[in-house]
């Protein structure tokens, strides 16, 4: 019997659990313009996973890399959630959000 699938599944579940709140916090602090951080992290973890000799660890790192890539998509969706009022907006960027809301009304 092997537990590799359960280990990988739990690790990827944990990585999604880490990335989702991180996306929310990054959008709040920096806006969607910080999407490139997720791209760089995903590329770095993808490259690392290629050179790790252990298949389970390599798979876990690859899963984390693609959670980072998914974070790019979530970053743009998070801005839309903020614009709809589902999440709090950063008061320092209120003018930006107002301009976006007016642009979306057209």
PDB file of N, CA and C in Angstrom:
ATOM      1  N   UNK A   1       0.844  -1.170   0.000  1.00  0.00           N
ATOM      2  CA  UNK A   1       0.000   0.000   0.000  1.00  0.00           C
ATOM      3  C   UNK A   1       0.901   1.249   0.000  1.00  0.00           C
ATOM      4  N   UNK A   2       0.477   2.267  -0.756  1.00  0.00           N
ATOM      5  CA  UNK A   2       1.269   3.500  -0.828  1.00  0.00           C
ATOM      6  C   UNK A   2       0.393   4.697  -0.469  1.00  0.00           C
ATOM      7  N   UNK A   3       0.978   5.637   0.205  1.00  0.00           N
ATOM      8  CA  UNK A   3       0.262   6.838   0.635  1.00  0.00           C
ATOM      9  C   UNK A   3       0.651   8.066  -0.184  1.00  0.00           C
ATOM     10  N   UNK A   4       1.372   7.862  -1.273  1.00  0.00           N
ATOM     11  CA  UNK A   4       1.861   8.990  -2.068  1.00  0.00           C
ATOM     12  C   UNK A   4       0.730   9.890  -2.558  1.00  0.00           C
ATOM     13  N   UNK A   5      -0.341   9.310  -3.049  1.00  0.00           N
ATOM     14  CA  UNK A   5      -1.460  10.107  -3.548  1.00  0.00           C
ATOM     15  C   UNK A   5      -2.097  10.948  -2.461  1.00  0.00           C
ATOM     16  N   UNK A   6      -2.267  10.366  -1.292  1.00  0.00           N
ATOM     17  CA  UNK A   6      -2.858  11.104  -0.175  1.00  0.00           C
ATOM     18  C   UNK A   6      -1.926  12.216   0.284  1.00  0.00           C
ATOM     19  N   UNK A   7      -0.646  11.939   0.315  1.00  0.00           N
ATOM     20  CA  UNK A   7       0.340  12.955   0.721  1.00  0.00           C
ATOM     21  C   UNK A   7       0.337  14.115  -0.267  1.00  0.00           C
ATOM     22  N   UNK A   8       0.371  13.816  -1.555  1.00  0.00           N
ATOM     23  CA  UNK A   8       0.368  14.865  -2.583  1.00  0.00           C
ATOM     24  C   UNK A   8      -0.944  15.643  -2.530  1.00  0.00           C
ATOM     25  N   UNK A   9      -2.058  14.935  -2.414  1.00  0.00           N
ATOM     26  CA  UNK A   9      -3.360  15.605  -2.342  1.00  0.00           C
ATOM     27  C   UNK A   9      -3.440  16.548  -1.151  1.00  0.00           C
ATOM     28  N   UNK A  10      -2.993  16.108   0.006  1.00  0.00           N
ATOM     29  CA  UNK A  10      -3.021  16.961   1.199  1.00  0.00           C
ATOM     30  C   UNK A  10      -2.103  18.170   1.033  1.00  0.00           C
ATOM     31  N   UNK A  11      -0.944  17.955   0.434  1.00  0.00           N
ATOM     32  CA  UNK A  11      -0.005  19.067   0.242  1.00  0.00           C
ATOM     33  C   UNK A  11      -0.554  20.097  -0.737  1.00  0.00           C
ATOM     34  N   UNK A  12      -1.179  19.652  -1.811  1.00  0.00           N
ATOM     35  CA  UNK A  12      -1.753  20.584  -2.784  1.00  0.00           C
ATOM     36  C   UNK A  12      -2.945  21.317  -2.156  1.00  0.00           C
ATOM     37  N   UNK A  13      -3.757  20.605  -1.386  1.00  0.00           N
ATOM     38  CA  UNK A  13      -4.855  21.237  -0.659  1.00  0.00           C
ATOM     39  C   UNK A  13      -4.322  22.325   0.269  1.00  0.00           C
ATOM     40  N   UNK A  14      -3.232  22.039   0.964  1.00  0.00           N
ATOM     41  CA  UNK A  14      -2.601  23.028   1.840  1.00  0.00           C
ATOM     42  C   UNK A  14      -2.066  24.213   1.047  1.00  0.00           C
ATOM     43  N   UNK A  15      -1.491  23.953  -0.118  1.00  0.00           N
ATOM     44  CA  UNK A  15      -0.948  25.056  -0.931  1.00  0.00           C
ATOM     45  C   UNK A  15      -2.059  25.964  -1.431  1.00  0.00           C
ATOM     46  N   UNK A  16      -3.199  25.392  -1.782  1.00  0.00           N
ATOM     47  CA  UNK A  16      -4.340  26.211  -2.186  1.00  0.00           C
ATOM     48  C   UNK A  16      -4.818  27.024  -0.993  1.00  0.00           C
ATOM     49  N   UNK A  17      -4.840  26.398   0.181  1.00  0.00           N
ATOM     50  CA  UNK A  17      -5.237  27.094   1.399  1.00  0.00           C
ATOM     51  C   UNK A  17      -4.301  28.229   1.775  1.00  0.00           C
ATOM     52  N   UNK A  18      -3.057  28.135   1.375  1.00  0.00           N
ATOM     53  CA  UNK A  18      -2.083  29.207   1.622  1.00  0.00           C
ATOM     54  C   UNK A  18      -2.223  30.299   0.565  1.00  0.00           C
ATOM     55  N   UNK A  19      -2.373  29.897  -0.690  1.00  0.00           N
ATOM     56  CA  UNK A  19      -2.385  30.871  -1.784  1.00  0.00           C
ATOM     57  C   UNK A  19      -3.636  31.747  -1.799  1.00  0.00           C
ATOM     58  N   UNK A  20      -4.795  31.192  -1.470  1.00  0.00           N
ATOM     59  CA  UNK A  20      -6.018  31.992  -1.560  1.00  0.00           C
ATOM     60  C   UNK A  20      -6.001  33.193  -0.604  1.00  0.00           C
ATOM     61  N   UNK A  21      -5.701  33.017   0.681  1.00  0.00           N
ATOM     62  CA  UNK A  21      -5.615  34.200   1.547  1.00  0.00           C
ATOM     63  C   UNK A  21      -4.482  35.144   1.141  1.00  0.00           C
ATOM     64  N   UNK A  22      -3.399  34.577   0.601  1.00  0.00           N
ATOM     65  CA  UNK A  22      -2.290  35.430   0.152  1.00  0.00           C
ATOM     66  C   UNK A  22      -2.723  36.316  -1.009  1.00  0.00           C
ATOM     67  N   UNK A  23      -3.532  35.780  -1.925  1.00  0.00           N
ATOM     68  CA  UNK A  23      -4.057  36.584  -3.037  1.00  0.00           C
ATOM     69  C   UNK A  23      -4.903  37.728  -2.491  1.00  0.00           C
ATOM     70  N   UNK A  24      -5.765  37.436  -1.535  1.00  0.00           N
ATOM     71  CA  UNK A  24      -6.638  38.459  -0.958  1.00  0.00           C
ATOM     72  C   UNK A  24      -5.806  39.563  -0.323  1.00  0.00           C
ATOM     73  N   UNK A  25      -4.816  39.180   0.447  1.00  0.00           N
ATOM     74  CA  UNK A  25      -3.975  40.175   1.125  1.00  0.00           C
ATOM     75  C   UNK A  25      -3.129  40.983   0.137  1.00  0.00           C
ATOM     76  N   UNK A  26      -2.617  40.314  -0.895  1.00  0.00           N
ATOM     77  CA  UNK A  26      -1.804  41.034  -1.885  1.00  0.00           C
ATOM     78  C   UNK A  26      -2.645  42.009  -2.686  1.00  0.00           C
ATOM     79  N   UNK A  27      -3.870  41.612  -3.053  1.00  0.00           N
ATOM     80  CA  UNK A  27      -4.727  42.534  -3.791  1.00  0.00           C
ATOM     81  C   UNK A  27      -5.079  43.733  -2.916  1.00  0.00           C
ATOM     82  N   UNK A  28      -5.331  43.493  -1.649  1.00  0.00           N
ATOM     83  CA  UNK A  28      -5.659  44.580  -0.730  1.00  0.00           C
ATOM     84  C   UNK A  28      -4.480  45.552  -0.615  1.00  0.00           C
ATOM     85  N   UNK A  29      -3.291  45.010  -0.456  1.00  0.00           N
ATOM     86  CA  UNK A  29      -2.111  45.850  -0.223  1.00  0.00           C
ATOM     87  C   UNK A  29      -1.579  46.502  -1.495  1.00  0.00           C
ATOM     88  N   UNK A  30      -1.529  45.761  -2.597  1.00  0.00           N
ATOM     89  CA  UNK A  30      -0.840  46.251  -3.791  1.00  0.00           C
ATOM     90  C   UNK A  30      -1.716  46.347  -5.037  1.00  0.00           C
ATOM     91  N   UNK A  31      -2.898  45.764  -4.998  1.00  0.00           N
ATOM     92  CA  UNK A  31      -3.760  45.755  -6.178  1.00  0.00           C
ATOM     93  C   UNK A  31      -3.373  44.636  -7.122  1.00  0.00           C
ATOM     94  N   UNK A  32      -4.096  44.565  -8.227  1.00  0.00           N
ATOM     95  CA  UNK A  32      -3.859  43.466  -9.173  1.00  0.00           C
ATOM     96  C   UNK A  32      -2.539  43.600  -9.912  1.00  0.00           C
ATOM     97  N   UNK A  33      -1.896  44.759  -9.786  1.00  0.00           N
ATOM     98  CA  UNK A  33      -0.615  44.933 -10.482  1.00  0.00           C
ATOM     99  C   UNK A  33       0.487  44.036  -9.911  1.00  0.00           C
ATOM    100  N   UNK A  34       0.196  43.364  -8.803  1.00  0.00           N
ATOM    101  CA  UNK A  34       1.190  42.459  -8.211  1.00  0.00           C
ATOM    102  C   UNK A  34       1.057  41.036  -8.746  1.00  0.00           C
ATOM    103  N   UNK A  35       0.322  40.864  -9.833  1.00  0.00           N
ATOM    104  CA  UNK A  35       0.131  39.532 -10.403  1.00  0.00           C
ATOM    105  C   UNK A  35       1.449  38.885 -10.814  1.00  0.00           C
ATOM    106  N   UNK A  36       2.419  39.686 -11.193  1.00  0.00           N
ATOM    107  CA  UNK A  36       3.695  39.153 -11.678  1.00  0.00           C
ATOM    108  C   UNK A  36       4.440  38.390 -10.583  1.00  0.00           C
ATOM    109  N   UNK A  37       4.168  38.716  -9.320  1.00  0.00           N
ATOM    110  CA  UNK A  37       4.799  37.981  -8.221  1.00  0.00           C
ATOM    111  C   UNK A  37       4.386  36.513  -8.275  1.00  0.00           C
ATOM    112  N   UNK A  38       3.109  36.278  -8.567  1.00  0.00           N
ATOM    113  CA  UNK A  38       2.614  34.908  -8.691  1.00  0.00           C
ATOM    114  C   UNK A  38       3.247  34.199  -9.885  1.00  0.00           C
ATOM    115  N   UNK A  39       3.444  34.935 -10.963  1.00  0.00           N
ATOM    116  CA  UNK A  39       4.079  34.353 -12.145  1.00  0.00           C
ATOM    117  C   UNK A  39       5.516  33.939 -11.836  1.00  0.00           C
ATOM    118  N   UNK A  40       6.259  34.826 -11.223  1.00  0.00           N
ATOM    119  CA  UNK A  40       7.662  34.528 -10.895  1.00  0.00           C
ATOM    120  C   UNK A  40       7.739  33.347  -9.925  1.00  0.00           C
ATOM    121  N   UNK A  41       6.881  33.353  -8.894  1.00  0.00           N
ATOM    122  CA  UNK A  41       6.889  32.246  -7.938  1.00  0.00           C
ATOM    123  C   UNK A  41       6.550  30.931  -8.631  1.00  0.00           C
ATOM    124  N   UNK A  42       5.556  30.954  -9.513  1.00  0.00           N
ATOM    125  CA  UNK A  42       5.187  29.745 -10.234  1.00  0.00           C
ATOM    126  C   UNK A  42       6.314  29.228 -11.112  1.00  0.00           C
ATOM    127  N   UNK A  43       6.998  30.144 -11.796  1.00  0.00           N
ATOM    128  CA  UNK A  43       8.118  29.737 -12.651  1.00  0.00           C
ATOM    129  C   UNK A  43       9.265  29.167 -11.828  1.00  0.00           C
ATOM    130  N   UNK A  44       9.550  29.802 -10.698  1.00  0.00           N
ATOM    131  CA  UNK A  44      10.639  29.324  -9.832  1.00  0.00           C
ATOM    132  C   UNK A  44      10.321  27.931  -9.299  1.00  0.00           C
ATOM    133  N   UNK A  45       9.098  27.759  -8.767  1.00  0.00           N
ATOM    134  CA  UNK A  45       8.745  26.441  -8.231  1.00  0.00           C
ATOM    135  C   UNK A  45       8.651  25.387  -9.330  1.00  0.00           C
ATOM    136  N   UNK A  46       8.249  25.768 -10.530  1.00  0.00           N
ATOM    137  CA  UNK A  46       8.236  24.819 -11.646  1.00  0.00           C
ATOM    138  C   UNK A  46       9.644  24.338 -11.962  1.00  0.00           C
ATOM    139  N   UNK A  47      10.585  25.275 -12.012  1.00  0.00           N
ATOM    140  CA  UNK A  47      11.985  24.902 -12.285  1.00  0.00           C
ATOM    141  C   UNK A  47      12.555  24.036 -11.173  1.00  0.00           C
ATOM    142  N   UNK A  48      12.241  24.391  -9.932  1.00  0.00           N
ATOM    143  CA  UNK A  48      12.738  23.584  -8.810  1.00  0.00           C
ATOM    144  C   UNK A  48      12.203  22.158  -8.902  1.00  0.00           C
ATOM    145  N   UNK A  49      10.922  22.029  -9.253  1.00  0.00           N
ATOM    146  CA  UNK A  49      10.324  20.683  -9.303  1.00  0.00           C
ATOM    147  C   UNK A  49      10.987  19.797 -10.360  1.00  0.00           C
ATOM    148  N   UNK A  50      11.570  20.417 -11.382  1.00  0.00           N
ATOM    149  CA  UNK A  50      12.251  19.636 -12.420  1.00  0.00           C
ATOM    150  C   UNK A  50      13.531  18.973 -11.921  1.00  0.00           C
ATOM    151  N   UNK A  51      14.138  19.563 -10.897  1.00  0.00           N
ATOM    152  CA  UNK A  51      15.446  19.085 -10.449  1.00  0.00           C
ATOM    153  C   UNK A  51      15.403  18.323  -9.127  1.00  0.00           C
ATOM    154  N   UNK A  52      14.241  18.169  -8.534  1.00  0.00           N
ATOM    155  CA  UNK A  52      14.129  17.419  -7.286  1.00  0.00           C
ATOM    156  C   UNK A  52      14.033  15.933  -7.625  1.00  0.00           C
ATOM    157  N   UNK A  53      14.925  15.120  -7.094  1.00  0.00           N
ATOM    158  CA  UNK A  53      14.944  13.709  -7.478  1.00  0.00           C
ATOM    159  C   UNK A  53      13.774  12.893  -6.910  1.00  0.00           C
ATOM    160  N   UNK A  54      13.236  13.262  -5.791  1.00  0.00           N
ATOM    161  CA  UNK A  54      12.137  12.524  -5.185  1.00  0.00           C
ATOM    162  C   UNK A  54      10.836  12.873  -5.891  1.00  0.00           C
ATOM    163  N   UNK A  55      10.142  11.853  -6.407  1.00  0.00           N
ATOM    164  CA  UNK A  55       8.936  12.104  -7.206  1.00  0.00           C
ATOM    165  C   UNK A  55       7.811  12.749  -6.404  1.00  0.00           C
ATOM    166  N   UNK A  56       7.630  12.321  -5.181  1.00  0.00           N
ATOM    167  CA  UNK A  56       6.548  12.878  -4.363  1.00  0.00           C
ATOM    168  C   UNK A  56       6.823  14.353  -4.064  1.00  0.00           C
ATOM    169  N   UNK A  57       8.027  14.666  -3.661  1.00  0.00           N
ATOM    170  CA  UNK A  57       8.387  16.053  -3.350  1.00  0.00           C
ATOM    171  C   UNK A  57       8.319  16.905  -4.614  1.00  0.00           C
ATOM    172  N   UNK A  58       8.796  16.379  -5.719  1.00  0.00           N
ATOM    173  CA  UNK A  58       8.729  17.089  -6.989  1.00  0.00           C
ATOM    174  C   UNK A  58       7.284  17.382  -7.382  1.00  0.00           C
ATOM    175  N   UNK A  59       6.410  16.411  -7.178  1.00  0.00           N
ATOM    176  CA  UNK A  59       4.998  16.597  -7.501  1.00  0.00           C
ATOM    177  C   UNK A  59       4.363  17.652  -6.598  1.00  0.00           C
ATOM    178  N   UNK A  60       4.706  17.631  -5.334  1.00  0.00           N
ATOM    179  CA  UNK A  60       4.175  18.623  -4.395  1.00  0.00           C
ATOM    180  C   UNK A  60       4.635  20.021  -4.789  1.00  0.00           C
ATOM    181  N   UNK A  61       5.901  20.164  -5.119  1.00  0.00           N
ATOM    182  CA  UNK A  61       6.423  21.476  -5.531  1.00  0.00           C
ATOM    183  C   UNK A  61       5.763  21.920  -6.837  1.00  0.00           C
ATOM    184  N   UNK A  62       5.577  20.996  -7.767  1.00  0.00           N
ATOM    185  CA  UNK A  62       4.880  21.318  -9.005  1.00  0.00           C
ATOM    186  C   UNK A  62       3.435  21.731  -8.750  1.00  0.00           C
ATOM    187  N   UNK A  63       2.780  21.072  -7.831  1.00  0.00           N
ATOM    188  CA  UNK A  63       1.420  21.462  -7.456  1.00  0.00           C
ATOM    189  C   UNK A  63       1.374  22.852  -6.863  1.00  0.00           C
ATOM    190  N   UNK A  64       2.373  23.180  -6.047  1.00  0.00           N
ATOM    191  CA  UNK A  64       2.445  24.529  -5.487  1.00  0.00           C
ATOM    192  C   UNK A  64       2.701  25.549  -6.592  1.00  0.00           C
ATOM    193  N   UNK A  65       3.524  25.183  -7.571  1.00  0.00           N
ATOM    194  CA  UNK A  65       3.801  26.088  -8.692  1.00  0.00           C
ATOM    195  C   UNK A  65       2.509  26.425  -9.425  1.00  0.00           C
ATOM    196  N   UNK A  66       1.684  25.422  -9.676  1.00  0.00           N
ATOM    197  CA  UNK A  66       0.453  25.685 -10.405  1.00  0.00           C
ATOM    198  C   UNK A  66      -0.610  26.353  -9.538  1.00  0.00           C
ATOM    199  N   UNK A  67      -0.498  26.216  -8.225  1.00  0.00           N
ATOM    200  CA  UNK A  67      -1.343  27.027  -7.346  1.00  0.00           C
ATOM    201  C   UNK A  67      -0.948  28.497  -7.469  1.00  0.00           C
ATOM    202  N   UNK A  68       0.336  28.751  -7.641  1.00  0.00           N
ATOM    203  CA  UNK A  68       0.803  30.125  -7.863  1.00  0.00           C
ATOM    204  C   UNK A  68       0.299  30.657  -9.201  1.00  0.00           C
ATOM    205  N   UNK A  69       0.344  29.835 -10.234  1.00  0.00           N
ATOM    206  CA  UNK A  69      -0.180  30.264 -11.532  1.00  0.00           C
ATOM    207  C   UNK A  69      -1.677  30.564 -11.433  1.00  0.00           C
ATOM    208  N   UNK A  70      -2.403  29.757 -10.697  1.00  0.00           N
ATOM    209  CA  UNK A  70      -3.825  30.003 -10.507  1.00  0.00           C
ATOM    210  C   UNK A  70      -4.038  31.303  -9.726  1.00  0.00           C
ATOM    211  N   UNK A  71      -3.073  31.652  -8.870  1.00  0.00           N
ATOM    212  CA  UNK A  71      -3.141  32.907  -8.117  1.00  0.00           C
ATOM    213  C   UNK A  71      -3.191  34.128  -9.025  1.00  0.00           C
ATOM    214  N   UNK A  72      -2.597  34.032 -10.211  1.00  0.00           N
ATOM    215  CA  UNK A  72      -2.669  35.137 -11.179  1.00  0.00           C
ATOM    216  C   UNK A  72      -4.122  35.371 -11.563  1.00  0.00           C
ATOM    217  N   UNK A  73      -4.812  34.310 -11.906  1.00  0.00           N
ATOM    218  CA  UNK A  73      -6.219  34.408 -12.280  1.00  0.00           C
ATOM    219  C   UNK A  73      -7.052  34.938 -11.105  1.00  0.00           C
ATOM    220  N   UNK A  74      -6.780  34.417  -9.924  1.00  0.00           N
ATOM    221  CA  UNK A  74      -7.523  34.840  -8.745  1.00  0.00           C
ATOM    222  C   UNK A  74      -7.272  36.312  -8.404  1.00  0.00           C
ATOM    223  N   UNK A  75      -6.091  36.814  -8.713  1.00  0.00           N
ATOM    224  CA  UNK A  75      -5.780  38.211  -8.434  1.00  0.00           C
ATOM    225  C   UNK A  75      -6.739  39.131  -9.197  1.00  0.00           C
ATOM    226  N   UNK A  76      -6.978  38.823 -10.452  1.00  0.00           N
ATOM    227  CA  UNK A  76      -7.887  39.634 -11.259  1.00  0.00           C
ATOM    228  C   UNK A  76      -9.338  39.458 -10.801  1.00  0.00           C
ATOM    229  N   UNK A  77      -9.699  38.242 -10.419  1.00  0.00           N
ATOM    230  CA  UNK A  77     -11.040  38.012  -9.900  1.00  0.00           C
ATOM    231  C   UNK A  77     -11.240  38.713  -8.560  1.00  0.00           C
ATOM    232  N   UNK A  78     -10.191  38.758  -7.760  1.00  0.00           N
ATOM    233  CA  UNK A  78     -10.298  39.402  -6.450  1.00  0.00           C
ATOM    234  C   UNK A  78     -10.598  40.887  -6.602  1.00  0.00           C
ATOM    235  N   UNK A  79      -9.992  41.537  -7.587  1.00  0.00           N
ATOM    236  CA  UNK A  79     -10.309  42.944  -7.801  1.00  0.00           C
ATOM    237  C   UNK A  79     -11.792  43.115  -8.134  1.00  0.00           C
ATOM    238  N   UNK A  80     -12.325  42.217  -8.947  1.00  0.00           N
ATOM    239  CA  UNK A  80     -13.755  42.290  -9.274  1.00  0.00           C
ATOM    240  C   UNK A  80     -14.620  42.080  -8.035  1.00  0.00           C
ATOM    241  N   UNK A  81     -14.188  41.188  -7.158  1.00  0.00           N
ATOM    242  CA  UNK A  81     -14.937  40.968  -5.917  1.00  0.00           C
ATOM    243  C   UNK A  81     -14.928  42.217  -5.048  1.00  0.00           C
ATOM    244  N   UNK A  82     -13.795  42.898  -5.004  1.00  0.00           N
ATOM    245  CA  UNK A  82     -13.702  44.137  -4.233  1.00  0.00           C
ATOM    246  C   UNK A  82     -14.598  45.204  -4.854  1.00  0.00           C
ATOM    247  N   UNK A  83     -14.573  45.314  -6.168  1.00  0.00           N
ATOM    248  CA  UNK A  83     -15.405  46.309  -6.845  1.00  0.00           C
ATOM    249  C   UNK A  83     -16.895  46.054  -6.609  1.00  0.00           C
ATOM    250  N   UNK A  84     -17.273  44.797  -6.466  1.00  0.00           N
ATOM    251  CA  UNK A  84     -18.673  44.455  -6.202  1.00  0.00           C
ATOM    252  C   UNK A  84     -19.046  44.647  -4.732  1.00  0.00           C
ATOM    253  N   UNK A  85     -18.040  44.889  -3.886  1.00  0.00           N
ATOM    254  CA  UNK A  85     -18.305  45.087  -2.465  1.00  0.00           C
ATOM    255  C   UNK A  85     -18.302  43.806  -1.650  1.00  0.00           C
ATOM    256  N   UNK A  86     -17.840  42.716  -2.233  1.00  0.00           N
ATOM    257  CA  UNK A  86     -17.805  41.447  -1.515  1.00  0.00           C
ATOM    258  C   UNK A  86     -16.642  41.367  -0.543  1.00  0.00           C
ATOM    259  N   UNK A  87     -15.584  42.143  -0.817  1.00  0.00           N
ATOM    260  CA  UNK A  87     -14.410  42.194   0.046  1.00  0.00           C
ATOM    261  C   UNK A  87     -14.085  43.660   0.311  1.00  0.00           C
ATOM    262  N   UNK A  88     -13.450  43.963   1.444  1.00  0.00           N
ATOM    263  CA  UNK A  88     -13.124  45.361   1.734  1.00  0.00           C
ATOM    264  C   UNK A  88     -12.056  45.899   0.787  1.00  0.00           C
ATOM    265  N   UNK A  89     -12.185  47.170   0.454  1.00  0.00           N
ATOM    266  CA  UNK A  89     -11.172  47.803  -0.388  1.00  0.00           C
ATOM    267  C   UNK A  89     -10.170  48.535   0.501  1.00  0.00           C
ATOM    268  N   UNK A  90      -8.995  48.689  -0.023  1.00  0.00           N
ATOM    269  CA  UNK A  90      -7.949  49.423   0.681  1.00  0.00           C
ATOM    270  C   UNK A  90      -8.281  50.915   0.592  1.00  0.00           C
ATOM    271  N   UNK A  91      -8.480  51.593   1.733  1.00  0.00           N
ATOM    272  CA  UNK A  91      -8.836  53.015   1.689  1.00  0.00           C
ATOM    273  C   UNK A  91      -7.783  53.874   0.988  1.00  0.00           C
ATOM    274  N   UNK A  92      -6.546  53.435   0.986  1.00  0.00           N
ATOM    275  CA  UNK A  92      -5.478  54.198   0.320  1.00  0.00           C
ATOM    276  C   UNK A  92      -5.647  54.192  -1.190  1.00  0.00           C
ATOM    277  N   UNK A  93      -6.399  53.223  -1.708  1.00  0.00           N
ATOM    278  CA  UNK A  93      -6.593  53.120  -3.152  1.00  0.00           C
ATOM    279  C   UNK A  93      -8.051  53.350  -3.537  1.00  0.00           C
ATOM    280  N   UNK A  94      -8.771  54.086  -2.722  1.00  0.00           N
ATOM    281  CA  UNK A  94     -10.190  54.345  -2.974  1.00  0.00           C
ATOM    282  C   UNK A  94     -10.409  55.026  -4.322  1.00  0.00           C
ATOM    283  N   UNK A  95      -9.573  55.993  -4.655  1.00  0.00           N
ATOM    284  CA  UNK A  95      -9.735  56.703  -5.937  1.00  0.00           C
ATOM    285  C   UNK A  95      -9.598  55.735  -7.121  1.00  0.00           C
ATOM    286  N   UNK A  96      -8.687  54.802  -7.016  1.00  0.00           N
ATOM    287  CA  UNK A  96      -8.511  53.808  -8.074  1.00  0.00           C
ATOM    288  C   UNK A  96      -9.785  52.980  -8.235  1.00  0.00           C
ATOM    289  N   UNK A  97     -10.333  52.500  -7.127  1.00  0.00           N
ATOM    290  CA  UNK A  97     -11.542  51.687  -7.187  1.00  0.00           C
ATOM    291  C   UNK A  97     -12.721  52.480  -7.740  1.00  0.00           C
ATOM    292  N   UNK A  98     -12.835  53.721  -7.348  1.00  0.00           N
ATOM    293  CA  UNK A  98     -13.932  54.552  -7.858  1.00  0.00           C
ATOM    294  C   UNK A  98     -13.811  54.750  -9.372  1.00  0.00           C
ATOM    295  N   UNK A  99     -12.607  54.976  -9.833  1.00  0.00           N
ATOM    296  CA  UNK A  99     -12.391  55.127 -11.278  1.00  0.00           C
ATOM    297  C   UNK A  99     -12.743  53.830 -12.001  1.00  0.00           C
ATOM    298  N   UNK A 100     -12.382  52.702 -11.434  1.00  0.00           N
ATOM    299  CA  UNK A 100     -12.711  51.409 -12.042  1.00  0.00           C
ATOM    300  C   UNK A 100     -14.225  51.197 -12.057  1.00  0.00           C
ATOM    301  N   UNK A 101     -14.890  51.564 -10.969  1.00  0.00           N
ATOM    302  CA  UNK A 101     -16.349  51.399 -10.920  1.00  0.00           C
ATOM    303  C   UNK A 101     -17.023  52.261 -11.990  1.00  0.00           C
ATOM    304  N   UNK A 102     -16.554  53.460 -12.162  1.00  0.00           N
ATOM    305  CA  UNK A 102     -17.147  54.344 -13.182  1.00  0.00           C
ATOM    306  C   UNK A 102     -16.860  53.804 -14.581  1.00  0.00           C
ATOM    307  N   UNK A 103     -15.707  53.224 -14.764  1.00  0.00           N
ATOM    308  CA  UNK A 103     -15.371  52.632 -16.059  1.00  0.00           C
ATOM    309  C   UNK A 103     -16.213  51.408 -16.360  1.00  0.00           C
ATOM    310  N   UNK A 104     -16.599  50.662 -15.318  1.00  0.00           N
ATOM    311  CA  UNK A 104     -17.408  49.468 -15.527  1.00  0.00           C
ATOM    312  C   UNK A 104     -18.866  49.797 -15.801  1.00  0.00           C
ATOM    313  N   UNK A 105     -19.329  50.977 -15.371  1.00  0.00           N
ATOM    314  CA  UNK A 105     -20.728  51.360 -15.576  1.00  0.00           C
ATOM    315  C   UNK A 105     -21.025  51.659 -17.047  1.00  0.00           C
ATOM    316  N   UNK A 106     -20.025  52.046 -17.796  1.00  0.00           N
ATOM    317  CA  UNK A 106     -20.235  52.413 -19.207  1.00  0.00           C
ATOM    318  C   UNK A 106     -20.592  51.254 -20.043  1.00  0.00           C
TER     319      UNK A 106
END
